[in-house]
Amino acid sequence: MNISFIVLTYNRTDALLAVLRSLARQCNGNHQVIIADDGSRQDQVQLLFDRCPAFECPVLHVWHPDAGFTIARARNLATRHATGEYLVFLDGDCIPNRTFAAQHARLAEAGYFVNGSRVLLNQRLSSDVIDGALDLPSQPAQFWLRARLRGESNKLLHLLGWPRNLFRVKKGFKWRGIRGCNLGVWMRDFLSVNGFDESFEGWGHEDADFVLRLSHLGLRRKNGFLATEVFHLWHPESKRDSESINKKRVIARINTHVIQAEKGFRELEPSTSVKLTQLH
């Protein structure tokens, strides 16, 4: 199965490198990694070029100029270069567990998309990871038990496994638990809904809109709990000035039959300012 992993980043290459180190141990010749850069500074880009780990699969860096919070566009631009039949969207501060790639491949099924879950980490533990002193995916159960007792992580359920589809499938659109930072979808379904909607400006809910339109298309949601967890590194809260506006737009679409993004993948225009770099 050919999978393109699309990793969103913006001026946080230290965290991105931790994500890539975990992916590098899992990816093979059937995979592709695309870094969707929402306009990082040149020093951050150079750090990535200098320290990107070795992969067995192609790695691309797709950069466009910083124009504010435009992650829908960054993801659409990256998908333009995807060769996989299946797409997995990740955030550059969410480290995949050690079986992440295999679990997404296992859960992929026609007629479904996969919504993964995350483990939240506190600032101290996140700093240890970013400094390179700690490899999270390889840590044993005892480590996570201590971390939970110290308040350094918010859950322990990721230590368990759930091989079946029982309880995974959700009927209809459920807002709770939508994670654009850990989302698997078939390329054909991504194209059918015209990708992410770039008319959502600023922080928030462009991922909920994407999931809603997939649901309107007739797809069902699989939860990736106890399988595709990622470890979400701590960061200061983003400004959420546009959240209420974006949330109202999604709510207004719930009882409609809207499937197509208003300004999505098909509306992308060629731009000389977009830079594509092959890293491996």
C-alpha atoms as a PDB file:
ATOM      1  CA  MET A   1       0.000   0.000   0.000  1.00  0.00           C
ATOM      2  CA  ASN A   2       1.428   3.368  -1.039  1.00  0.00           C
ATOM      3  CA  ILE A   3       1.053   6.028   1.665  1.00  0.00           C
ATOM      4  CA  SER A   4       2.034   9.701   1.561  1.00  0.00           C
ATOM      5  CA  PHE A   5       2.650  11.161   5.029  1.00  0.00           C
ATOM      6  CA  ILE A   6       2.032  14.918   4.961  1.00  0.00           C
ATOM      7  CA  VAL A   7       3.636  16.679   7.935  1.00  0.00           C
ATOM      8  CA  LEU A   8       2.628  20.277   8.665  1.00  0.00           C
ATOM      9  CA  THR A   9       5.247  22.628  10.121  1.00  0.00           C
ATOM     10  CA  TYR A  10       5.853  26.286  10.900  1.00  0.00           C
ATOM     11  CA  ASN A  11       8.994  27.670  12.579  1.00  0.00           C
ATOM     12  CA  ARG A  12       9.436  24.689  14.874  1.00  0.00           C
ATOM     13  CA  THR A  13      12.044  22.536  13.189  1.00  0.00           C
ATOM     14  CA  ASP A  14      13.359  21.145  16.495  1.00  0.00           C
ATOM     15  CA  ALA A  15       9.985  19.469  17.073  1.00  0.00           C
ATOM     16  CA  LEU A  16       9.644  18.499  13.399  1.00  0.00           C
ATOM     17  CA  LEU A  17      12.967  16.636  13.524  1.00  0.00           C
ATOM     18  CA  ALA A  18      11.683  14.499  16.413  1.00  0.00           C
ATOM     19  CA  VAL A  19       8.624  13.616  14.305  1.00  0.00           C
ATOM     20  CA  LEU A  20      10.796  12.746  11.316  1.00  0.00           C
ATOM     21  CA  ARG A  21      13.129  10.570  13.387  1.00  0.00           C
ATOM     22  CA  SER A  22      10.189   8.384  14.376  1.00  0.00           C
ATOM     23  CA  LEU A  23       8.815   8.250  10.832  1.00  0.00           C
ATOM     24  CA  ALA A  24      12.244   7.385   9.397  1.00  0.00           C
ATOM     25  CA  ARG A  25      12.319   4.154  11.413  1.00  0.00           C
ATOM     26  CA  GLN A  26       8.950   3.098   9.993  1.00  0.00           C
ATOM     27  CA  CYS A  27       8.854   4.242   6.399  1.00  0.00           C
ATOM     28  CA  ASN A  28       9.865   2.004   3.496  1.00  0.00           C
ATOM     29  CA  GLY A  29       9.881   2.108  -0.283  1.00  0.00           C
ATOM     30  CA  ASN A  30       6.073   2.122  -0.408  1.00  0.00           C
ATOM     31  CA  HIS A  31       5.936   5.425   1.427  1.00  0.00           C
ATOM     32  CA  GLN A  32       6.539   9.105   0.784  1.00  0.00           C
ATOM     33  CA  VAL A  33       7.010  11.955   3.272  1.00  0.00           C
ATOM     34  CA  ILE A  34       6.007  15.504   2.352  1.00  0.00           C
ATOM     35  CA  ILE A  35       6.745  18.388   4.705  1.00  0.00           C
ATOM     36  CA  ALA A  36       4.000  20.992   4.302  1.00  0.00           C
ATOM     37  CA  ASP A  37       5.718  24.200   5.398  1.00  0.00           C
ATOM     38  CA  ASP A  38       3.380  27.111   6.139  1.00  0.00           C
ATOM     39  CA  GLY A  39       6.131  29.711   5.647  1.00  0.00           C
ATOM     40  CA  SER A  40       8.923  28.928   8.124  1.00  0.00           C
ATOM     41  CA  ARG A  41      11.876  31.326   8.349  1.00  0.00           C
ATOM     42  CA  GLN A  42      14.971  30.507   6.314  1.00  0.00           C
ATOM     43  CA  ASP A  43      17.005  29.568   9.407  1.00  0.00           C
ATOM     44  CA  GLN A  44      14.366  26.981  10.314  1.00  0.00           C
ATOM     45  CA  VAL A  45      14.321  25.617   6.772  1.00  0.00           C
ATOM     46  CA  GLN A  46      18.115  25.344   6.721  1.00  0.00           C
ATOM     47  CA  LEU A  47      18.083  23.484  10.035  1.00  0.00           C
ATOM     48  CA  LEU A  48      15.735  20.949   8.463  1.00  0.00           C
ATOM     49  CA  PHE A  49      17.967  20.569   5.415  1.00  0.00           C
ATOM     50  CA  ASP A  50      21.030  20.076   7.626  1.00  0.00           C
ATOM     51  CA  ARG A  51      19.545  17.575  10.093  1.00  0.00           C
ATOM     52  CA  CYS A  52      16.787  15.672   8.299  1.00  0.00           C
ATOM     53  CA  PRO A  53      17.267  11.960   9.139  1.00  0.00           C
ATOM     54  CA  ALA A  54      17.870   9.365   6.428  1.00  0.00           C
ATOM     55  CA  PHE A  55      14.763   7.745   4.929  1.00  0.00           C
ATOM     56  CA  GLU A  56      14.235   4.724   2.678  1.00  0.00           C
ATOM     57  CA  CYS A  57      11.500   6.666   0.882  1.00  0.00           C
ATOM     58  CA  PRO A  58      11.367  10.032  -0.923  1.00  0.00           C
ATOM     59  CA  VAL A  59      11.133  13.135   1.278  1.00  0.00           C
ATOM     60  CA  LEU A  60       9.897  16.459  -0.131  1.00  0.00           C
ATOM     61  CA  HIS A  61       9.781  19.924   1.417  1.00  0.00           C
ATOM     62  CA  VAL A  62       6.988  22.145   0.058  1.00  0.00           C
ATOM     63  CA  TRP A  63       7.251  25.758   1.263  1.00  0.00           C
ATOM     64  CA  HIS A  64       5.083  28.795   0.574  1.00  0.00           C
ATOM     65  CA  PRO A  65       5.447  32.352   1.934  1.00  0.00           C
ATOM     66  CA  ASP A  66       4.193  33.176   5.408  1.00  0.00           C
ATOM     67  CA  ALA A  67       0.777  34.804   5.070  1.00  0.00           C
ATOM     68  CA  GLY A  68      -0.557  34.078   8.524  1.00  0.00           C
ATOM     69  CA  PHE A  69      -2.305  30.898   9.642  1.00  0.00           C
ATOM     70  CA  THR A  70      -2.894  29.190   6.265  1.00  0.00           C
ATOM     71  CA  ILE A  71      -2.534  25.513   7.059  1.00  0.00           C
ATOM     72  CA  ALA A  72      -5.348  24.480   4.702  1.00  0.00           C
ATOM     73  CA  ARG A  73      -3.340  25.885   1.801  1.00  0.00           C
ATOM     74  CA  ALA A  74      -0.098  24.305   3.056  1.00  0.00           C
ATOM     75  CA  ARG A  75      -1.750  20.883   3.191  1.00  0.00           C
ATOM     76  CA  ASN A  76      -3.338  21.292  -0.244  1.00  0.00           C
ATOM     77  CA  LEU A  77      -0.028  22.372  -1.760  1.00  0.00           C
ATOM     78  CA  ALA A  78       1.736  19.369  -0.255  1.00  0.00           C
ATOM     79  CA  THR A  79      -0.965  16.997  -1.491  1.00  0.00           C
ATOM     80  CA  ARG A  80      -0.404  18.274  -5.026  1.00  0.00           C
ATOM     81  CA  HIS A  81       2.930  16.418  -4.902  1.00  0.00           C
ATOM     82  CA  ALA A  82       1.630  13.260  -3.213  1.00  0.00           C
ATOM     83  CA  THR A  83       2.093   9.968  -5.060  1.00  0.00           C
ATOM     84  CA  GLY A  84       0.380   7.710  -2.514  1.00  0.00           C
ATOM     85  CA  GLU A  85      -3.082   6.236  -2.917  1.00  0.00           C
ATOM     86  CA  TYR A  86      -3.600   6.979   0.774  1.00  0.00           C
ATOM     87  CA  LEU A  87      -2.795  10.177   2.696  1.00  0.00           C
ATOM     88  CA  VAL A  88      -1.920  10.519   6.377  1.00  0.00           C
ATOM     89  CA  PHE A  89      -1.879  14.082   7.721  1.00  0.00           C
ATOM     90  CA  LEU A  90       0.355  14.829  10.702  1.00  0.00           C
ATOM     91  CA  ASP A  91       1.382  17.960  12.581  1.00  0.00           C
ATOM     92  CA  GLY A  92       5.063  18.710  13.010  1.00  0.00           C
ATOM     93  CA  ASP A  93       4.796  18.621  16.803  1.00  0.00           C
ATOM     94  CA  CYS A  94       3.032  15.242  16.991  1.00  0.00           C
ATOM     95  CA  ILE A  95       5.477  12.335  17.229  1.00  0.00           C
ATOM     96  CA  PRO A  96       4.053   9.080  15.819  1.00  0.00           C
ATOM     97  CA  ASN A  97       4.261   5.949  17.947  1.00  0.00           C
ATOM     98  CA  ARG A  98       6.556   3.150  16.763  1.00  0.00           C
ATOM     99  CA  THR A  99       3.827   1.248  14.831  1.00  0.00           C
ATOM    100  CA  PHE A 100       2.052   4.338  13.488  1.00  0.00           C
ATOM    101  CA  ALA A 101       2.637   3.668   9.778  1.00  0.00           C
ATOM    102  CA  ALA A 102       1.685  -0.007  10.017  1.00  0.00           C
ATOM    103  CA  GLN A 103      -1.446   0.748  12.032  1.00  0.00           C
ATOM    104  CA  HIS A 104      -2.685   3.367   9.574  1.00  0.00           C
ATOM    105  CA  ALA A 105      -2.145   0.867   6.743  1.00  0.00           C
ATOM    106  CA  ARG A 106      -4.062  -1.782   8.706  1.00  0.00           C
ATOM    107  CA  LEU A 107      -7.026   0.492   9.428  1.00  0.00           C
ATOM    108  CA  ALA A 108      -7.315   1.930   5.904  1.00  0.00           C
ATOM    109  CA  GLU A 109     -10.493   0.652   4.259  1.00  0.00           C
ATOM    110  CA  ALA A 110     -12.614   1.773   1.339  1.00  0.00           C
ATOM    111  CA  GLY A 111     -15.555   3.883   2.464  1.00  0.00           C
ATOM    112  CA  TYR A 112     -13.824   5.069   5.648  1.00  0.00           C
ATOM    113  CA  PHE A 113     -11.362   7.681   6.884  1.00  0.00           C
ATOM    114  CA  VAL A 114      -9.290   7.271  10.063  1.00  0.00           C
ATOM    115  CA  ASN A 115      -9.240   9.852  12.839  1.00  0.00           C
ATOM    116  CA  GLY A 116      -6.299   9.202  15.161  1.00  0.00           C
ATOM    117  CA  SER A 117      -5.836  10.206  18.781  1.00  0.00           C
ATOM    118  CA  ARG A 118      -3.052  11.896  20.725  1.00  0.00           C
ATOM    119  CA  VAL A 119      -1.236  11.860  24.056  1.00  0.00           C
ATOM    120  CA  LEU A 120      -0.620  15.348  25.458  1.00  0.00           C
ATOM    121  CA  LEU A 121       2.782  16.036  27.032  1.00  0.00           C
ATOM    122  CA  ASN A 122       3.759  18.786  29.442  1.00  0.00           C
ATOM    123  CA  GLN A 123       6.457  21.401  28.850  1.00  0.00           C
ATOM    124  CA  ARG A 124       9.275  19.642  30.722  1.00  0.00           C
ATOM    125  CA  LEU A 125       8.860  16.303  28.990  1.00  0.00           C
ATOM    126  CA  SER A 126       8.504  18.040  25.624  1.00  0.00           C
ATOM    127  CA  SER A 127      11.774  19.907  26.212  1.00  0.00           C
ATOM    128  CA  ASP A 128      13.597  16.630  26.851  1.00  0.00           C
ATOM    129  CA  VAL A 129      12.318  15.266  23.548  1.00  0.00           C
ATOM    130  CA  ILE A 130      13.224  18.377  21.552  1.00  0.00           C
ATOM    131  CA  ASP A 131      16.708  18.468  23.086  1.00  0.00           C
ATOM    132  CA  GLY A 132      17.271  14.941  21.811  1.00  0.00           C
ATOM    133  CA  ALA A 133      17.674  13.468  25.283  1.00  0.00           C
ATOM    134  CA  LEU A 134      14.580  11.280  25.027  1.00  0.00           C
ATOM    135  CA  ASP A 135      13.212   8.980  22.325  1.00  0.00           C
ATOM    136  CA  LEU A 136       9.516   8.748  23.187  1.00  0.00           C
ATOM    137  CA  PRO A 137       8.355   5.924  20.876  1.00  0.00           C
ATOM    138  CA  SER A 138      10.852   3.475  22.410  1.00  0.00           C
ATOM    139  CA  GLN A 139       9.920   4.105  26.053  1.00  0.00           C
ATOM    140  CA  PRO A 140       8.562   1.157  28.109  1.00  0.00           C
ATOM    141  CA  ALA A 141       5.318   1.041  30.069  1.00  0.00           C
ATOM    142  CA  GLN A 142       7.070   1.957  33.329  1.00  0.00           C
ATOM    143  CA  PHE A 143       8.191   5.261  31.841  1.00  0.00           C
ATOM    144  CA  TRP A 144       4.632   6.201  30.868  1.00  0.00           C
ATOM    145  CA  LEU A 145       3.259   5.165  34.252  1.00  0.00           C
ATOM    146  CA  ARG A 146       5.737   7.497  35.987  1.00  0.00           C
ATOM    147  CA  ALA A 147       4.987  10.275  33.487  1.00  0.00           C
ATOM    148  CA  ARG A 148       1.258   9.975  34.166  1.00  0.00           C
ATOM    149  CA  LEU A 149       1.723  10.024  37.929  1.00  0.00           C
ATOM    150  CA  ARG A 150       3.893  13.142  37.620  1.00  0.00           C
ATOM    151  CA  GLY A 151       1.377  14.884  35.393  1.00  0.00           C
ATOM    152  CA  GLU A 152       3.766  14.875  32.436  1.00  0.00           C
ATOM    153  CA  SER A 153       1.274  13.130  30.122  1.00  0.00           C
ATOM    154  CA  ASN A 154      -2.506  12.970  30.102  1.00  0.00           C
ATOM    155  CA  LYS A 155      -3.222   9.275  29.509  1.00  0.00           C
ATOM    156  CA  LEU A 156      -2.010   5.685  29.611  1.00  0.00           C
ATOM    157  CA  LEU A 157      -4.468   3.986  27.279  1.00  0.00           C
ATOM    158  CA  HIS A 158      -1.987   4.174  24.385  1.00  0.00           C
ATOM    159  CA  LEU A 159      -0.076   1.352  26.102  1.00  0.00           C
ATOM    160  CA  LEU A 160      -2.901  -1.024  25.262  1.00  0.00           C
ATOM    161  CA  GLY A 161      -3.685  -2.548  21.882  1.00  0.00           C
ATOM    162  CA  TRP A 162      -7.040  -2.990  20.193  1.00  0.00           C
ATOM    163  CA  PRO A 163      -6.683  -5.104  17.030  1.00  0.00           C
ATOM    164  CA  ARG A 164     -10.334  -5.155  16.069  1.00  0.00           C
ATOM    165  CA  ASN A 165     -12.702  -2.687  14.430  1.00  0.00           C
ATOM    166  CA  LEU A 166     -15.239  -3.177  17.216  1.00  0.00           C
ATOM    167  CA  PHE A 167     -16.209   0.238  18.675  1.00  0.00           C
ATOM    168  CA  ARG A 168     -14.026   2.061  16.139  1.00  0.00           C
ATOM    169  CA  VAL A 169     -16.673   3.106  13.633  1.00  0.00           C
ATOM    170  CA  LYS A 170     -18.767   6.218  14.271  1.00  0.00           C
ATOM    171  CA  LYS A 171     -22.062   6.843  12.510  1.00  0.00           C
ATOM    172  CA  GLY A 172     -22.700  10.334  11.205  1.00  0.00           C
ATOM    173  CA  PHE A 173     -20.710  13.460  11.947  1.00  0.00           C
ATOM    174  CA  LYS A 174     -19.259  13.680  15.457  1.00  0.00           C
ATOM    175  CA  TRP A 175     -17.333  16.849  16.271  1.00  0.00           C
ATOM    176  CA  ARG A 176     -15.672  15.440  19.386  1.00  0.00           C
ATOM    177  CA  GLY A 177     -12.198  14.040  18.854  1.00  0.00           C
ATOM    178  CA  ILE A 178     -11.549  15.363  15.338  1.00  0.00           C
ATOM    179  CA  ARG A 179      -7.781  15.581  14.897  1.00  0.00           C
ATOM    180  CA  GLY A 180      -6.322  17.194  11.787  1.00  0.00           C
ATOM    181  CA  CYS A 181      -2.941  16.388  13.333  1.00  0.00           C
ATOM    182  CA  ASN A 182      -3.540  12.638  12.844  1.00  0.00           C
ATOM    183  CA  LEU A 183      -5.882  11.855   9.980  1.00  0.00           C
ATOM    184  CA  GLY A 184      -5.868   9.164   7.279  1.00  0.00           C
ATOM    185  CA  VAL A 185      -7.901   9.438   4.058  1.00  0.00           C
ATOM    186  CA  TRP A 186      -7.841   7.923   0.572  1.00  0.00           C
ATOM    187  CA  MET A 187      -6.509  10.238  -2.109  1.00  0.00           C
ATOM    188  CA  ARG A 188      -9.628   9.666  -4.214  1.00  0.00           C
ATOM    189  CA  ASP A 189     -11.823  10.808  -1.316  1.00  0.00           C
ATOM    190  CA  PHE A 190      -9.620  13.835  -0.668  1.00  0.00           C
ATOM    191  CA  LEU A 191     -10.076  14.844  -4.310  1.00  0.00           C
ATOM    192  CA  SER A 192     -13.824  14.148  -4.206  1.00  0.00           C
ATOM    193  CA  VAL A 193     -14.317  16.803  -1.493  1.00  0.00           C
ATOM    194  CA  ASN A 194     -11.799  19.195  -3.116  1.00  0.00           C
ATOM    195  CA  GLY A 195      -9.340  18.984  -0.220  1.00  0.00           C
ATOM    196  CA  PHE A 196      -9.141  21.427   2.672  1.00  0.00           C
ATOM    197  CA  ASP A 197     -11.122  24.659   2.406  1.00  0.00           C
ATOM    198  CA  GLU A 198      -8.753  27.628   2.276  1.00  0.00           C
ATOM    199  CA  SER A 199     -11.635  30.042   2.803  1.00  0.00           C
ATOM    200  CA  PHE A 200     -11.350  29.182   6.519  1.00  0.00           C
ATOM    201  CA  GLU A 201      -8.998  31.926   7.706  1.00  0.00           C
ATOM    202  CA  GLY A 202      -7.012  31.947  10.944  1.00  0.00           C
ATOM    203  CA  TRP A 203      -6.970  29.294  13.641  1.00  0.00           C
ATOM    204  CA  GLY A 204      -9.518  26.576  13.960  1.00  0.00           C
ATOM    205  CA  HIS A 205     -11.958  24.043  12.595  1.00  0.00           C
ATOM    206  CA  GLU A 206     -10.792  23.688   8.993  1.00  0.00           C
ATOM    207  CA  ASP A 207     -10.201  20.046   9.977  1.00  0.00           C
ATOM    208  CA  ALA A 208     -13.772  19.718  11.316  1.00  0.00           C
ATOM    209  CA  ASP A 209     -15.053  21.147   8.031  1.00  0.00           C
ATOM    210  CA  PHE A 210     -12.959  18.618   6.079  1.00  0.00           C
ATOM    211  CA  VAL A 211     -14.310  15.716   8.162  1.00  0.00           C
ATOM    212  CA  LEU A 212     -17.872  17.034   7.822  1.00  0.00           C
ATOM    213  CA  ARG A 213     -17.608  17.107   4.026  1.00  0.00           C
ATOM    214  CA  LEU A 214     -16.172  13.577   4.013  1.00  0.00           C
ATOM    215  CA  SER A 215     -19.212  12.521   6.045  1.00  0.00           C
ATOM    216  CA  HIS A 216     -21.529  14.254   3.568  1.00  0.00           C
ATOM    217  CA  LEU A 217     -19.771  12.293   0.825  1.00  0.00           C
ATOM    218  CA  GLY A 218     -20.933   9.123   2.564  1.00  0.00           C
ATOM    219  CA  LEU A 219     -17.719   8.074   4.287  1.00  0.00           C
ATOM    220  CA  ARG A 220     -17.712   6.689   7.799  1.00  0.00           C
ATOM    221  CA  ARG A 221     -15.207   7.582  10.501  1.00  0.00           C
ATOM    222  CA  LYS A 222     -12.892   5.066  12.122  1.00  0.00           C
ATOM    223  CA  ASN A 223     -11.256   6.061  15.378  1.00  0.00           C
ATOM    224  CA  GLY A 224      -7.582   5.165  15.577  1.00  0.00           C
ATOM    225  CA  PHE A 225      -7.485   4.859  19.374  1.00  0.00           C
ATOM    226  CA  LEU A 226      -5.112   2.235  20.796  1.00  0.00           C
ATOM    227  CA  ALA A 227      -3.381   2.052  17.421  1.00  0.00           C
ATOM    228  CA  THR A 228      -2.332   5.313  15.734  1.00  0.00           C
ATOM    229  CA  GLU A 229      -1.553   7.513  18.745  1.00  0.00           C
ATOM    230  CA  VAL A 230       0.814  10.446  18.436  1.00  0.00           C
ATOM    231  CA  PHE A 231       2.661  12.240  21.239  1.00  0.00           C
ATOM    232  CA  HIS A 232       1.717  15.911  21.105  1.00  0.00           C
ATOM    233  CA  LEU A 233       4.566  18.152  22.271  1.00  0.00           C
ATOM    234  CA  TRP A 234       3.654  21.117  24.464  1.00  0.00           C
ATOM    235  CA  HIS A 235       3.497  24.593  22.942  1.00  0.00           C
ATOM    236  CA  PRO A 236       1.898  27.923  23.896  1.00  0.00           C
ATOM    237  CA  GLU A 237      -1.704  28.315  22.787  1.00  0.00           C
ATOM    238  CA  SER A 238      -2.188  29.865  19.355  1.00  0.00           C
ATOM    239  CA  LYS A 239      -4.269  33.005  18.978  1.00  0.00           C
ATOM    240  CA  ARG A 240      -7.858  31.940  18.398  1.00  0.00           C
ATOM    241  CA  ASP A 241      -9.411  35.196  17.220  1.00  0.00           C
ATOM    242  CA  SER A 242     -11.159  33.479  14.302  1.00  0.00           C
ATOM    243  CA  GLU A 243     -12.352  30.378  16.165  1.00  0.00           C
ATOM    244  CA  SER A 244     -15.941  31.486  16.729  1.00  0.00           C
ATOM    245  CA  ILE A 245     -16.361  32.556  13.099  1.00  0.00           C
ATOM    246  CA  ASN A 246     -14.943  29.293  11.760  1.00  0.00           C
ATOM    247  CA  LYS A 247     -16.974  27.221  14.204  1.00  0.00           C
ATOM    248  CA  LYS A 248     -20.187  28.957  13.142  1.00  0.00           C
ATOM    249  CA  ARG A 249     -19.374  28.176   9.498  1.00  0.00           C
ATOM    250  CA  VAL A 250     -19.011  24.469  10.270  1.00  0.00           C
ATOM    251  CA  ILE A 251     -22.222  24.441  12.328  1.00  0.00           C
ATOM    252  CA  ALA A 252     -24.058  26.132   9.454  1.00  0.00           C
ATOM    253  CA  ARG A 253     -22.890  23.377   7.094  1.00  0.00           C
ATOM    254  CA  ILE A 254     -23.909  20.434   9.277  1.00  0.00           C
ATOM    255  CA  ASN A 255     -27.499  20.308   8.046  1.00  0.00           C
ATOM    256  CA  THR A 256     -26.573  20.965   4.413  1.00  0.00           C
ATOM    257  CA  HIS A 257     -25.265  18.649   1.714  1.00  0.00           C
ATOM    258  CA  VAL A 258     -22.052  20.600   1.128  1.00  0.00           C
ATOM    259  CA  ILE A 259     -19.284  18.293  -0.084  1.00  0.00           C
ATOM    260  CA  GLN A 260     -16.954  20.531  -2.076  1.00  0.00           C
ATOM    261  CA  ALA A 261     -14.484  22.966  -0.522  1.00  0.00           C
ATOM    262  CA  GLU A 262     -15.353  26.537  -1.496  1.00  0.00           C
ATOM    263  CA  LYS A 263     -11.679  27.275  -2.183  1.00  0.00           C
ATOM    264  CA  GLY A 264      -9.785  24.028  -2.202  1.00  0.00           C
ATOM    265  CA  PHE A 265      -7.391  21.761  -4.044  1.00  0.00           C
ATOM    266  CA  ARG A 266      -8.725  22.453  -7.540  1.00  0.00           C
ATOM    267  CA  GLU A 267      -8.432  26.214  -7.035  1.00  0.00           C
ATOM    268  CA  LEU A 268      -4.682  26.071  -6.381  1.00  0.00           C
ATOM    269  CA  GLU A 269      -2.865  28.296  -8.820  1.00  0.00           C
ATOM    270  CA  PRO A 270       0.734  27.846 -10.018  1.00  0.00           C
ATOM    271  CA  SER A 271       2.993  30.157  -8.063  1.00  0.00           C
ATOM    272  CA  THR A 272       6.669  30.936  -8.455  1.00  0.00           C
ATOM    273  CA  SER A 273       6.838  31.689  -4.728  1.00  0.00           C
ATOM    274  CA  VAL A 274       6.161  28.048  -3.783  1.00  0.00           C
ATOM    275  CA  LYS A 275       9.442  26.167  -3.329  1.00  0.00           C
ATOM    276  CA  LEU A 276       9.779  22.393  -3.746  1.00  0.00           C
ATOM    277  CA  THR A 277      12.936  20.689  -2.460  1.00  0.00           C
ATOM    278  CA  GLN A 278      13.762  16.966  -2.640  1.00  0.00           C
ATOM    279  CA  LEU A 279      15.558  15.986   0.588  1.00  0.00           C
ATOM    280  CA  HIS A 280      15.941  12.261  -0.133  1.00  0.00           C
END
